[in-house]
Amino acid sequence: MVRFGDAQAPGDPTSLRPARPVVGMARTPDGGGYWLVASDGGVFSYGTARFFGSAGGIALNRPVVGMAATPDGGGYWLVASDGGIFNYGNAGFHGSAGGIALNKPVVGMAATPDGGGYWLAASDGGIFNYGNAPFHGSAGGIALNKPITAMAATPSGGGYWLAASDGGLFNYGNAPYKGSATGTAMGAGRVAAGITSSPSGQGYNILAVPAAVRVGFTGDVHGVGRVAAFMARGGDPLRGMKQLLAANDANIVNLETAVGSQGSAQDKQYTFHSPPELLQRLRAANVNVVNLANNHSLDFGSAGLLETLDLAHRAGLLTVGAGANSAEAYAPAIVSTPAGSIAFLGFSQVVPAGWAAGANHPGVASAYDLRAATNAVRNARARADHVVVMVHAGVERAD
């Protein structure tokens, strides 16, 4: 924790070892405590901060990226990267950006002094205000050195601060500038993930967390044969992997199967059709993204692919590499982490005839369409801090 002005920091979060990375914080009204929130919605309280609930047991569509507390400390809000809001205790719901096509993901939030509204901040510094939260300015038009990762409001609600991942500080309205955490203030290998105001508004804490981005990858995954039988008996084939995957900021697997019951088996040597439980097991094992750019996602035709996509999204998984059309197939899945956002893409070099996605028909993202693949990477790079591409290739049972 890095303190500025008259801010205090009760408790020691350095010993905390959450299953997912810490992404935000909020303080109590008296300054005697604070909450930390992890990307899976888990909440940790220190000092006088009380626990009112968490999103830790929910299959989230997008990761939690920030939080804000009510003025009396009797509740708090959590915000996800798509602008979705979760409210606990006496925190009221005033609206969300969940239905908006965002240019950049939401990374933080702050509440008004009476709890009648809140602001959301995007990684490009854009501000969204709800309820009685007034607009005081944004960094949306500034060429930032590093993305915004957090925000905090002054006690009067007459201003707010935005913190960038390098500890840079932007102040608006009546929020005073008391210094930044750039340079060596946060320590080597750390980035800013949260900021809170002191009770007087004449200081702030900036939360510094490890900067490295950890991404987990797996090879081909399906749920047929012995795996399907094991799950039918209530077994979890990924139980032994959960702890390993939980140590990562994001995990992607190559989902080498259709899922569900729709469609007809295609005329090919191997066809895989897995039960929906597979997707639930993947999400429970901390998998964020499934790649469908491969030679089995259309084993049961377009109907099977579309059902697979729907079931994956219902399970809380992001999908890449296939879609209802080429625009969806080449679109990135974006995951926010304290060290920046990651855009995942999936392409396949094993593309059976007729399987490539088109403007008006479902299919996979073909790596052989160099223009589409290159444009997809460029688009992803414009929307995220890091880009990860998973390419499916090789010969069945040979590579």
Protein backbone atom coordinates (compact mmCIF):
# COMPACT_ATOMS: atom_id res chain seq x y z
CA MET A 1 0.00 0.00 0.00
CA VAL A 2 1.37 3.43 -0.98
CA ARG A 3 0.04 6.36 1.13
CA PHE A 4 -0.20 10.04 0.18
CA GLY A 5 -1.25 13.07 2.23
CA ASP A 6 -3.05 12.14 5.45
CA ALA A 7 -4.19 8.67 4.32
CA GLN A 8 -3.83 5.72 6.72
CA ALA A 9 -3.67 1.99 5.90
CA PRO A 10 -4.86 -0.26 8.75
CA GLY A 11 -4.18 -3.97 8.36
CA ASP A 12 -1.60 -5.78 6.28
CA PRO A 13 -2.82 -7.16 2.93
CA THR A 14 0.64 -8.31 1.88
CA SER A 15 0.03 -11.75 3.38
CA LEU A 16 -3.21 -12.20 1.41
CA ARG A 17 -3.13 -15.12 -1.06
CA PRO A 18 -6.48 -14.98 -2.90
CA ALA A 19 -7.46 -17.52 -5.57
CA ARG A 20 -7.69 -14.68 -8.09
CA PRO A 21 -5.74 -11.39 -8.27
CA VAL A 22 -6.81 -8.36 -6.22
CA VAL A 23 -8.19 -5.68 -8.56
CA GLY A 24 -9.67 -2.92 -6.37
CA MET A 25 -10.30 -1.45 -2.95
CA ALA A 26 -12.65 0.81 -0.98
CA ARG A 27 -12.29 2.45 2.44
CA THR A 28 -14.66 2.80 5.38
CA PRO A 29 -16.05 6.30 6.16
CA ASP A 30 -13.89 6.66 9.26
CA GLY A 31 -10.73 5.64 7.45
CA GLY A 32 -10.26 2.84 9.97
CA GLY A 33 -10.65 0.00 7.50
CA TYR A 34 -10.94 -1.02 3.87
CA TRP A 35 -12.10 -3.77 1.57
CA LEU A 36 -10.15 -5.48 -1.20
CA VAL A 37 -11.88 -7.25 -4.09
CA ALA A 38 -10.49 -10.00 -6.32
CA SER A 39 -11.32 -10.53 -10.00
CA ASP A 40 -13.63 -13.45 -9.16
CA GLY A 41 -15.71 -11.17 -6.91
CA GLY A 42 -14.20 -12.36 -3.62
CA VAL A 43 -14.16 -9.62 -0.94
CA PHE A 44 -11.64 -9.23 1.92
CA SER A 45 -12.19 -6.80 4.82
CA TYR A 46 -9.64 -5.10 7.10
CA GLY A 47 -9.87 -2.86 10.17
CA THR A 48 -13.42 -1.58 10.71
CA ALA A 49 -14.66 -2.76 7.30
CA ARG A 50 -17.54 -5.27 7.53
CA PHE A 51 -18.32 -8.10 5.12
CA PHE A 52 -21.69 -7.89 3.33
CA GLY A 53 -21.33 -10.51 0.62
CA SER A 54 -19.37 -11.28 -2.51
CA ALA A 55 -19.69 -12.47 -6.09
CA GLY A 56 -17.17 -15.25 -5.45
CA GLY A 57 -19.73 -18.00 -5.97
CA ILE A 58 -21.29 -16.54 -9.13
CA ALA A 59 -20.42 -17.64 -12.68
CA LEU A 60 -19.47 -14.15 -13.91
CA ASN A 61 -19.80 -13.09 -17.55
CA ARG A 62 -16.80 -10.80 -17.08
CA PRO A 63 -14.30 -10.44 -14.22
CA VAL A 64 -14.81 -7.95 -11.39
CA VAL A 65 -12.42 -5.00 -11.72
CA GLY A 66 -13.30 -2.59 -8.90
CA MET A 67 -15.51 -1.63 -5.98
CA ALA A 68 -16.93 1.34 -4.04
CA ALA A 69 -18.45 1.63 -0.55
CA THR A 70 -21.65 3.34 0.60
CA PRO A 71 -21.21 6.55 2.63
CA ASP A 72 -22.03 4.89 5.96
CA GLY A 73 -19.95 1.78 5.25
CA GLY A 74 -23.07 -0.37 5.33
CA GLY A 75 -22.61 -1.82 1.87
CA TYR A 76 -20.61 -1.75 -1.34
CA TRP A 77 -20.80 -2.15 -5.08
CA LEU A 78 -18.65 -4.36 -7.29
CA VAL A 79 -18.19 -3.55 -10.98
CA ALA A 80 -17.22 -5.98 -13.77
CA SER A 81 -15.16 -5.12 -16.84
CA ASP A 82 -18.30 -4.97 -19.01
CA GLY A 83 -19.81 -2.37 -16.68
CA GLY A 84 -22.09 -4.80 -14.85
CA ILE A 85 -22.89 -3.83 -11.24
CA PHE A 86 -23.32 -6.06 -8.16
CA ASN A 87 -24.66 -4.38 -4.99
CA TYR A 88 -24.45 -5.62 -1.39
CA GLY A 89 -25.63 -4.41 2.01
CA ASN A 90 -27.40 -1.05 1.68
CA ALA A 91 -25.83 -0.22 -1.69
CA GLY A 92 -28.54 0.73 -4.19
CA PHE A 93 -28.54 -0.04 -7.91
CA HIS A 94 -28.44 3.12 -10.08
CA GLY A 95 -27.66 1.70 -13.51
CA SER A 96 -24.84 -0.06 -15.35
CA ALA A 97 -22.89 -0.07 -18.60
CA GLY A 98 -23.54 -3.79 -19.06
CA GLY A 99 -25.60 -3.24 -22.21
CA ILE A 100 -23.23 -0.75 -23.86
CA ALA A 101 -20.67 -1.64 -26.54
CA LEU A 102 -17.63 -0.22 -24.73
CA ASN A 103 -14.53 1.07 -26.54
CA LYS A 104 -12.41 -0.07 -23.60
CA PRO A 105 -13.27 -2.20 -20.57
CA VAL A 106 -14.39 -0.67 -17.29
CA VAL A 107 -11.63 -0.81 -14.66
CA GLY A 108 -12.98 0.94 -11.58
CA MET A 109 -15.76 2.87 -9.86
CA ALA A 110 -16.49 5.45 -7.15
CA ALA A 111 -19.68 6.43 -5.30
CA THR A 112 -21.23 9.81 -4.47
CA PRO A 113 -21.21 10.95 -0.81
CA ASP A 114 -24.88 10.08 -0.23
CA GLY A 115 -24.75 6.78 -2.15
CA GLY A 116 -27.28 8.08 -4.66
CA GLY A 117 -25.02 7.50 -7.64
CA TYR A 118 -21.64 6.37 -8.88
CA TRP A 119 -19.06 6.79 -11.59
CA LEU A 120 -17.46 4.06 -13.70
CA ALA A 121 -14.03 4.54 -15.28
CA ALA A 122 -12.78 2.77 -18.42
CA SER A 123 -9.14 1.90 -19.10
CA ASP A 124 -8.86 4.78 -21.62
CA GLY A 125 -9.99 7.25 -18.93
CA GLY A 126 -13.58 7.50 -20.14
CA ILE A 127 -16.17 8.20 -17.41
CA PHE A 128 -19.77 6.95 -17.11
CA ASN A 129 -21.98 8.58 -14.45
CA TYR A 130 -25.20 7.20 -12.92
CA GLY A 131 -27.78 8.40 -10.40
CA ASN A 132 -26.80 11.77 -8.93
CA ALA A 133 -23.11 11.44 -9.83
CA PRO A 134 -22.03 14.60 -11.73
CA PHE A 135 -19.46 14.55 -14.53
CA HIS A 136 -16.22 16.37 -13.62
CA GLY A 137 -14.03 15.45 -16.58
CA SER A 138 -12.24 12.46 -18.07
CA ALA A 139 -8.94 11.32 -19.55
CA GLY A 140 -10.73 9.88 -22.57
CA GLY A 141 -9.11 12.33 -24.98
CA ILE A 142 -5.59 12.01 -23.58
CA ALA A 143 -2.87 9.82 -25.09
CA LEU A 144 -2.10 7.83 -21.93
CA ASN A 145 1.29 6.27 -21.27
CA LYS A 146 -0.41 3.45 -19.37
CA PRO A 147 -4.06 2.42 -18.99
CA ILE A 148 -6.26 3.69 -16.17
CA THR A 149 -6.79 0.98 -13.57
CA ALA A 150 -8.77 2.62 -10.73
CA MET A 151 -10.69 5.67 -9.52
CA ALA A 152 -11.78 7.28 -6.24
CA ALA A 153 -14.07 10.21 -5.42
CA THR A 154 -13.53 13.05 -2.94
CA PRO A 155 -15.65 12.93 0.24
CA SER A 156 -17.82 15.79 -1.06
CA GLY A 157 -18.35 14.17 -4.47
CA GLY A 158 -17.08 17.33 -6.10
CA GLY A 159 -14.23 15.56 -7.84
CA TYR A 160 -12.37 12.31 -8.39
CA TRP A 161 -8.98 10.84 -9.09
CA LEU A 162 -8.01 8.34 -11.79
CA ALA A 163 -4.94 6.16 -11.26
CA ALA A 164 -2.98 4.61 -14.14
CA SER A 165 -1.22 1.26 -13.92
CA ASP A 166 2.19 2.97 -13.61
CA GLY A 167 0.97 4.96 -10.60
CA GLY A 168 0.23 8.10 -12.62
CA LEU A 169 -2.51 10.27 -11.10
CA PHE A 170 -5.18 12.40 -12.83
CA ASN A 171 -7.37 14.71 -10.71
CA TYR A 172 -10.69 16.35 -11.61
CA GLY A 173 -13.11 18.74 -9.91
CA ASN A 174 -12.05 19.48 -6.33
CA ALA A 175 -9.77 16.42 -6.07
CA PRO A 176 -6.31 17.71 -5.06
CA TYR A 177 -3.07 16.37 -6.46
CA LYS A 178 -0.84 15.07 -3.66
CA GLY A 179 1.68 13.13 -5.70
CA SER A 180 1.87 10.00 -7.84
CA ALA A 181 3.28 6.51 -7.43
CA THR A 182 5.29 6.55 -10.64
CA GLY A 183 8.94 5.61 -10.52
CA THR A 184 10.05 3.57 -7.53
CA ALA A 185 7.19 4.39 -5.11
CA MET A 186 5.31 1.12 -5.71
CA GLY A 187 8.40 -1.08 -5.79
CA ALA A 188 9.80 -3.14 -8.63
CA GLY A 189 7.44 -5.29 -10.63
CA ARG A 190 4.23 -3.77 -9.27
CA VAL A 191 1.34 -1.81 -10.78
CA ALA A 192 -1.45 0.33 -9.36
CA ALA A 193 -4.73 -1.59 -9.02
CA GLY A 194 -6.78 0.59 -6.66
CA ILE A 195 -7.07 4.01 -5.05
CA THR A 196 -9.05 5.33 -2.04
CA SER A 197 -9.49 8.83 -0.64
CA SER A 198 -8.65 9.75 2.95
CA PRO A 199 -11.64 10.90 5.07
CA SER A 200 -10.64 14.56 4.59
CA GLY A 201 -10.08 14.26 0.86
CA GLN A 202 -6.56 15.61 1.35
CA GLY A 203 -4.83 12.33 0.65
CA TYR A 204 -5.22 8.92 -0.94
CA ASN A 205 -3.89 5.38 -0.86
CA ILE A 206 -2.78 3.68 -4.05
CA LEU A 207 -2.88 -0.13 -3.97
CA ALA A 208 0.14 -1.74 -5.68
CA VAL A 209 -0.04 -5.38 -6.81
CA PRO A 210 2.33 -7.69 -8.73
CA ALA A 211 2.59 -6.54 -12.34
CA ALA A 212 3.30 -9.80 -14.14
CA VAL A 213 0.47 -11.24 -16.23
CA ARG A 214 0.12 -15.00 -15.85
CA VAL A 215 -1.75 -16.78 -18.65
CA GLY A 216 -2.46 -20.51 -18.58
CA PHE A 217 -2.85 -22.57 -21.76
CA THR A 218 -4.05 -26.11 -22.30
CA GLY A 219 -4.18 -28.31 -25.36
CA ASP A 220 -7.19 -30.17 -26.76
CA VAL A 221 -10.09 -30.67 -24.35
CA HIS A 222 -13.26 -32.72 -24.85
CA GLY A 223 -15.76 -34.56 -22.67
CA VAL A 224 -16.50 -37.81 -24.49
CA GLY A 225 -15.86 -41.50 -23.69
CA ARG A 226 -14.34 -42.10 -20.28
CA VAL A 227 -14.44 -38.38 -19.46
CA ALA A 228 -18.19 -38.23 -20.13
CA ALA A 229 -18.79 -41.35 -18.04
CA PHE A 230 -16.74 -39.91 -15.18
CA MET A 231 -18.74 -36.66 -15.19
CA ALA A 232 -22.02 -38.61 -15.39
CA ARG A 233 -21.06 -40.22 -12.07
CA GLY A 234 -20.57 -36.73 -10.57
CA GLY A 235 -16.83 -36.65 -11.09
CA ASP A 236 -14.79 -33.55 -11.89
CA PRO A 237 -11.99 -34.31 -14.39
CA LEU A 238 -10.39 -30.91 -13.69
CA ARG A 239 -10.33 -31.15 -9.91
CA GLY A 240 -6.59 -31.67 -9.82
CA MET A 241 -6.00 -28.63 -12.06
CA LYS A 242 -7.97 -26.02 -10.11
CA GLN A 243 -5.18 -24.86 -7.83
CA LEU A 244 -2.71 -24.58 -10.71
CA LEU A 245 -5.13 -22.63 -12.91
CA ALA A 246 -6.21 -20.39 -10.03
CA ALA A 247 -2.68 -18.99 -9.84
CA ASN A 248 -3.10 -17.42 -13.29
CA ASP A 249 -4.71 -14.12 -14.25
CA ALA A 250 -6.45 -15.83 -17.18
CA ASN A 251 -6.71 -19.33 -18.68
CA ILE A 252 -7.60 -20.45 -22.20
CA VAL A 253 -8.27 -23.98 -23.45
CA ASN A 254 -8.76 -25.41 -26.93
CA LEU A 255 -12.30 -26.82 -26.77
CA GLU A 256 -11.95 -29.68 -29.26
CA THR A 257 -15.62 -30.70 -29.33
CA ALA A 258 -19.19 -29.67 -29.97
CA VAL A 259 -21.26 -29.42 -26.78
CA GLY A 260 -24.94 -30.22 -26.25
CA SER A 261 -27.42 -32.26 -28.26
CA GLN A 262 -28.18 -30.26 -31.40
CA GLY A 263 -27.08 -31.00 -34.97
CA SER A 264 -26.07 -34.10 -36.93
CA ALA A 265 -22.71 -35.84 -37.00
CA GLN A 266 -20.64 -34.76 -39.99
CA ASP A 267 -18.99 -37.18 -42.41
CA LYS A 268 -15.49 -37.31 -40.90
CA GLN A 269 -13.23 -39.78 -39.13
CA TYR A 270 -13.75 -38.47 -35.58
CA THR A 271 -16.75 -36.57 -34.24
CA PHE A 272 -16.97 -35.38 -30.63
CA HIS A 273 -20.15 -34.35 -28.82
CA SER A 274 -19.69 -33.50 -25.12
CA PRO A 275 -22.25 -32.86 -22.35
CA PRO A 276 -22.81 -29.29 -21.05
CA GLU A 277 -21.31 -30.33 -17.70
CA LEU A 278 -17.89 -30.06 -19.34
CA LEU A 279 -18.30 -26.30 -19.71
CA GLN A 280 -19.40 -25.93 -16.11
CA ARG A 281 -16.37 -27.91 -14.94
CA LEU A 282 -14.07 -25.70 -17.05
CA ARG A 283 -15.47 -22.50 -15.57
CA ALA A 284 -15.30 -23.89 -12.04
CA ALA A 285 -11.63 -24.69 -12.70
CA ASN A 286 -10.93 -20.98 -13.38
CA VAL A 287 -10.92 -21.23 -17.17
CA ASN A 288 -11.91 -17.89 -18.72
CA VAL A 289 -11.76 -18.48 -22.48
CA VAL A 290 -12.39 -21.44 -24.80
CA ASN A 291 -10.97 -21.52 -28.32
CA LEU A 292 -13.26 -23.05 -30.96
CA ALA A 293 -10.98 -22.47 -33.94
CA ASN A 294 -10.30 -26.16 -34.57
CA ASN A 295 -11.45 -29.16 -36.62
CA HIS A 296 -14.05 -30.44 -34.12
CA SER A 297 -16.20 -27.44 -33.14
CA LEU A 298 -18.46 -28.12 -36.16
CA ASP A 299 -18.50 -31.91 -35.76
CA PHE A 300 -22.29 -31.60 -35.48
CA GLY A 301 -22.74 -28.85 -38.04
CA SER A 302 -23.73 -25.22 -37.64
CA ALA A 303 -26.52 -26.08 -35.23
CA GLY A 304 -24.05 -27.86 -32.98
CA LEU A 305 -21.62 -24.93 -33.10
CA LEU A 306 -24.28 -22.35 -32.26
CA GLU A 307 -25.48 -24.46 -29.35
CA THR A 308 -21.89 -24.82 -28.13
CA LEU A 309 -21.42 -21.05 -28.19
CA ASP A 310 -24.67 -20.46 -26.32
CA LEU A 311 -23.91 -23.06 -23.65
CA ALA A 312 -20.37 -21.72 -23.17
CA HIS A 313 -21.66 -18.19 -22.61
CA ARG A 314 -24.32 -19.47 -20.23
CA ALA A 315 -21.56 -21.19 -18.25
CA GLY A 316 -19.70 -17.88 -17.91
CA LEU A 317 -17.01 -18.65 -20.49
CA LEU A 318 -15.74 -16.31 -23.20
CA THR A 319 -15.35 -17.80 -26.69
CA VAL A 320 -12.95 -17.11 -29.55
CA GLY A 321 -12.18 -18.64 -32.93
CA ALA A 322 -15.74 -19.40 -34.09
CA GLY A 323 -19.07 -17.66 -34.35
CA ALA A 324 -22.36 -17.17 -36.15
CA ASN A 325 -20.42 -15.25 -38.82
CA SER A 326 -16.87 -14.15 -39.61
CA ALA A 327 -17.17 -10.97 -37.54
CA GLU A 328 -17.87 -13.05 -34.43
CA ALA A 329 -15.29 -15.71 -35.30
CA TYR A 330 -12.45 -13.19 -35.57
CA ALA A 331 -13.56 -11.07 -32.59
CA PRO A 332 -11.39 -11.05 -29.45
CA ALA A 333 -12.37 -12.06 -25.94
CA ILE A 334 -11.03 -9.49 -23.49
CA VAL A 335 -10.06 -10.30 -19.91
CA SER A 336 -9.03 -7.54 -17.48
CA THR A 337 -6.16 -8.08 -15.04
CA PRO A 338 -4.37 -5.71 -12.64
CA ALA A 339 -1.44 -5.56 -15.09
CA GLY A 340 -3.66 -4.64 -18.04
CA SER A 341 -6.26 -6.19 -20.29
CA ILE A 342 -5.63 -9.28 -22.44
CA ALA A 343 -7.30 -9.82 -25.82
CA PHE A 344 -7.52 -13.49 -26.82
CA LEU A 345 -7.93 -14.65 -30.42
CA GLY A 346 -8.25 -18.11 -31.95
CA PHE A 347 -7.32 -19.21 -35.51
CA SER A 348 -7.21 -22.66 -37.08
CA GLN A 349 -4.85 -24.13 -39.67
CA VAL A 350 -6.98 -27.29 -39.78
CA VAL A 351 -10.14 -26.23 -41.59
CA PRO A 352 -12.37 -28.92 -43.16
CA ALA A 353 -14.13 -27.90 -46.37
CA GLY A 354 -16.92 -25.41 -45.77
CA TRP A 355 -16.01 -24.80 -42.13
CA ALA A 356 -14.51 -21.30 -42.52
CA ALA A 357 -16.84 -18.61 -41.17
CA GLY A 358 -18.35 -16.25 -43.70
CA ALA A 359 -20.14 -12.93 -43.64
CA ASN A 360 -23.50 -14.68 -43.32
CA HIS A 361 -22.79 -18.21 -42.11
CA PRO A 362 -21.30 -19.82 -38.99
CA GLY A 363 -17.82 -21.27 -38.89
CA VAL A 364 -14.29 -21.02 -37.58
CA ALA A 365 -11.66 -18.31 -37.92
CA SER A 366 -9.29 -19.63 -40.58
CA ALA A 367 -5.59 -18.83 -40.22
CA TYR A 368 -5.33 -19.04 -44.02
CA ASP A 369 -7.35 -15.84 -44.44
CA LEU A 370 -4.34 -13.66 -43.71
CA ARG A 371 -6.16 -10.38 -44.17
CA ALA A 372 -8.91 -11.31 -41.71
CA ALA A 373 -6.41 -12.74 -39.21
CA THR A 374 -4.10 -9.74 -39.42
CA ASN A 375 -6.98 -7.29 -39.07
CA ALA A 376 -8.22 -9.25 -36.06
CA VAL A 377 -4.85 -8.90 -34.33
CA ARG A 378 -4.70 -5.18 -35.12
CA ASN A 379 -8.21 -4.65 -33.79
CA ALA A 380 -7.42 -6.62 -30.64
CA ARG A 381 -4.25 -4.63 -30.05
CA ALA A 382 -6.23 -1.39 -30.26
CA ARG A 383 -8.63 -2.65 -27.58
CA ALA A 384 -6.28 -4.29 -25.06
CA ASP A 385 -2.86 -3.99 -23.47
CA HIS A 386 -1.79 -7.53 -24.44
CA VAL A 387 -2.81 -9.85 -27.29
CA VAL A 388 -2.68 -13.66 -27.11
CA VAL A 389 -3.35 -15.75 -30.23
CA MET A 390 -4.05 -19.49 -30.03
CA VAL A 391 -3.47 -21.26 -33.36
CA HIS A 392 -4.73 -24.83 -33.87
CA ALA A 393 -2.54 -26.86 -36.22
CA GLY A 394 -1.04 -30.29 -36.86
CA VAL A 395 -2.08 -33.77 -37.93
CA GLU A 396 -4.54 -35.86 -35.87
CA ARG A 397 -2.69 -38.38 -33.60
CA ALA A 398 0.62 -37.42 -35.21
CA ASP A 399 1.67 -34.01 -33.85
